[in-house]
Amino acid sequence: MPAPKLLLHPVDPDAATVPEDRLARELQAIGLIGDRMTLEKTVFYPVGEQFLQLITFLGCSPAIELDPPGDPLELEKASAAGRFCHVFISSGEQLQFRGDNQTRTPRCPRCRSPEPDWKARLQSWQGGQHGPDWTCQACGFCGRLSDLVFRKTAGFGRTFLEIRGIYPSEAVPGPALLDTLASLTGNPWTTIYLRE
């Protein structure tokens, strides 16, 4: 079952990678995350004491679970399904694409024309068959795949902060969190909502 997620990543896909341990220290210092916990195959961070001050939940009564299950078997299942809020950090030198089967057709950043062939181009790039260059068939704009406008349904980056347990458009990062993240990379961060 796909887990609902709020992902944050630098707006600039060429932003320097932030090492996981450094990002974790900064996020612990502001209270977004707690101490590192281990699942069978991965590591995650439970929410910290300031989580609800750093993430703004929208709507009149969002249903959120902040505490992880105590049973290890249930914890693994609950994490995979995104049944409680917790944080994963992924960081690497390679540019990654993050999207899901709900990703909208992206648009050209210049003329806003849809790019219907984006999936084939992305698969070719991920398979190493073509570079990241892309040309809009409508206006001739030449850029990279990462220039396409996905409207918060996908994105490119090297460092991702993944908060599971947040449904699409249910919450947004607050200014203090965004300022902390921007100070680590020297440029602003943006959000993506996924189910993967």
Foldseek 3Di string as FASTA:
>chain_A
DFFKKKKKFFLDQPFDWDDPVNVVVLCVVVFQFDDWDDAPPAIWTQGGPCNCVFKPFDDDDDDAARDADPDRVSNVVCVRHLRHKIKDKAADDDKDKDADPPFDFWAAPPPRHGDPCLVVVVVCCVVVNDPQWDADPPPGDIDGSQNTHRPQRMHMHRIMMMITNAAPPRIDGDPVVQVSVCVSRVGTMDIHIHTD
